[in-house]
Amino acid sequence: MQEKKGWGHSSFEQACSFAIKANVRQLVLFHHDPSRSDEQLEAMLTQANEWVEHQDAELDVILAREGLAV
């Protein structure tokens, strides 16, 4: 997987940290790398939710998907 540092994108850790500090209830991760498989995206979502749990925070993290309405 190609590294994207310096492209202006945030890691899920950065996005979750900012959302927690802003008292956000639900965070939708979007702008995925199109080369990632569904399995890789689901793994990233699992990692994000585990990271949030480790922070002892209440934040619902989901992935943007085609057709998703919020």
C-alpha atoms as a PDB file:
ATOM      1  CA  MET A   1       0.000   0.000   0.000  1.00  0.00           C
ATOM      2  CA  GLN A   2       1.387   3.375  -1.007  1.00  0.00           C
ATOM      3  CA  GLU A   3       2.083   5.909   1.751  1.00  0.00           C
ATOM      4  CA  LYS A   4       0.013   9.127   1.514  1.00  0.00           C
ATOM      5  CA  LYS A   5       1.742  11.343   4.094  1.00  0.00           C
ATOM      6  CA  GLY A   6       2.003  14.930   2.945  1.00  0.00           C
ATOM      7  CA  TRP A   7      -1.028  14.711   0.645  1.00  0.00           C
ATOM      8  CA  GLY A   8      -3.222  16.727   3.026  1.00  0.00           C
ATOM      9  CA  HIS A   9      -5.254  13.747   4.214  1.00  0.00           C
ATOM     10  CA  SER A  10      -5.714  12.726   7.845  1.00  0.00           C
ATOM     11  CA  SER A  11      -5.236   9.314   9.390  1.00  0.00           C
ATOM     12  CA  PHE A  12      -8.207   7.744  11.139  1.00  0.00           C
ATOM     13  CA  GLU A  13      -6.416   8.396  14.426  1.00  0.00           C
ATOM     14  CA  GLN A  14      -6.198  12.113  13.665  1.00  0.00           C
ATOM     15  CA  ALA A  15      -9.838  12.268  12.538  1.00  0.00           C
ATOM     16  CA  CYS A  16     -11.062  10.345  15.596  1.00  0.00           C
ATOM     17  CA  SER A  17      -8.966  12.440  17.977  1.00  0.00           C
ATOM     18  CA  PHE A  18     -10.338  15.667  16.528  1.00  0.00           C
ATOM     19  CA  ALA A  19     -13.909  14.321  16.631  1.00  0.00           C
ATOM     20  CA  ILE A  20     -13.529  13.292  20.286  1.00  0.00           C
ATOM     21  CA  LYS A  21     -12.167  16.727  21.229  1.00  0.00           C
ATOM     22  CA  ALA A  22     -15.101  18.353  19.396  1.00  0.00           C
ATOM     23  CA  ASN A  23     -17.636  16.105  21.190  1.00  0.00           C
ATOM     24  CA  VAL A  24     -18.835  14.617  17.904  1.00  0.00           C
ATOM     25  CA  ARG A  25     -21.256  11.704  18.281  1.00  0.00           C
ATOM     26  CA  GLN A  26     -20.754  10.072  14.861  1.00  0.00           C
ATOM     27  CA  LEU A  27     -17.786  10.236  12.512  1.00  0.00           C
ATOM     28  CA  VAL A  28     -18.061   9.106   8.901  1.00  0.00           C
ATOM     29  CA  LEU A  29     -14.712   8.156   7.385  1.00  0.00           C
ATOM     30  CA  PHE A  30     -14.615   9.002   3.686  1.00  0.00           C
ATOM     31  CA  HIS A  31     -12.301   9.722   0.768  1.00  0.00           C
ATOM     32  CA  HIS A  32     -10.918   6.211   0.807  1.00  0.00           C
ATOM     33  CA  ASP A  33      -7.985   5.145  -1.323  1.00  0.00           C
ATOM     34  CA  PRO A  34      -9.720   3.541  -4.328  1.00  0.00           C
ATOM     35  CA  SER A  35      -7.085   0.805  -4.430  1.00  0.00           C
ATOM     36  CA  ARG A  36      -8.201  -0.509  -1.011  1.00  0.00           C
ATOM     37  CA  SER A  37     -10.370  -3.597  -0.954  1.00  0.00           C
ATOM     38  CA  ASP A  38     -13.587  -3.875   1.040  1.00  0.00           C
ATOM     39  CA  GLU A  39     -11.697  -6.114   3.469  1.00  0.00           C
ATOM     40  CA  GLN A  40      -8.996  -3.473   3.974  1.00  0.00           C
ATOM     41  CA  LEU A  41     -11.621  -0.788   4.596  1.00  0.00           C
ATOM     42  CA  GLU A  42     -13.434  -2.994   7.113  1.00  0.00           C
ATOM     43  CA  ALA A  43     -10.096  -3.653   8.853  1.00  0.00           C
ATOM     44  CA  MET A  44      -9.462   0.103   9.027  1.00  0.00           C
ATOM     45  CA  LEU A  45     -12.935   0.611  10.525  1.00  0.00           C
ATOM     46  CA  THR A  46     -12.244  -2.070  13.125  1.00  0.00           C
ATOM     47  CA  GLN A  47      -8.924  -0.414  13.985  1.00  0.00           C
ATOM     48  CA  ALA A  48     -10.608   2.984  14.271  1.00  0.00           C
ATOM     49  CA  ASN A  49     -13.285   1.661  16.620  1.00  0.00           C
ATOM     50  CA  GLU A  50     -10.678  -0.153  18.720  1.00  0.00           C
ATOM     51  CA  TRP A  51      -8.649   3.071  18.881  1.00  0.00           C
ATOM     52  CA  VAL A  52     -11.723   5.021  20.061  1.00  0.00           C
ATOM     53  CA  GLU A  53     -12.506   2.341  22.657  1.00  0.00           C
ATOM     54  CA  HIS A  54      -8.917   2.522  23.914  1.00  0.00           C
ATOM     55  CA  GLN A  55      -9.390   6.289  24.368  1.00  0.00           C
ATOM     56  CA  ASP A  56     -12.413   5.484  26.569  1.00  0.00           C
ATOM     57  CA  ALA A  57     -14.479   7.763  24.345  1.00  0.00           C
ATOM     58  CA  GLU A  58     -18.005   7.598  23.020  1.00  0.00           C
ATOM     59  CA  LEU A  59     -17.778   8.036  19.260  1.00  0.00           C
ATOM     60  CA  ASP A  60     -19.623   6.053  16.606  1.00  0.00           C
ATOM     61  CA  VAL A  61     -17.276   5.586  13.641  1.00  0.00           C
ATOM     62  CA  ILE A  62     -18.665   4.349  10.327  1.00  0.00           C
ATOM     63  CA  LEU A  63     -17.440   4.159   6.730  1.00  0.00           C
ATOM     64  CA  ALA A  64     -18.977   6.163   3.920  1.00  0.00           C
ATOM     65  CA  ARG A  65     -20.497   3.848   1.337  1.00  0.00           C
ATOM     66  CA  GLU A  66     -22.238   4.350  -1.955  1.00  0.00           C
ATOM     67  CA  GLY A  67     -25.887   5.088  -1.215  1.00  0.00           C
ATOM     68  CA  LEU A  68     -25.306   5.910   2.473  1.00  0.00           C
ATOM     69  CA  ALA A  69     -27.728   8.518   3.776  1.00  0.00           C
ATOM     70  CA  VAL A  70     -27.073  10.215   7.093  1.00  0.00           C
END
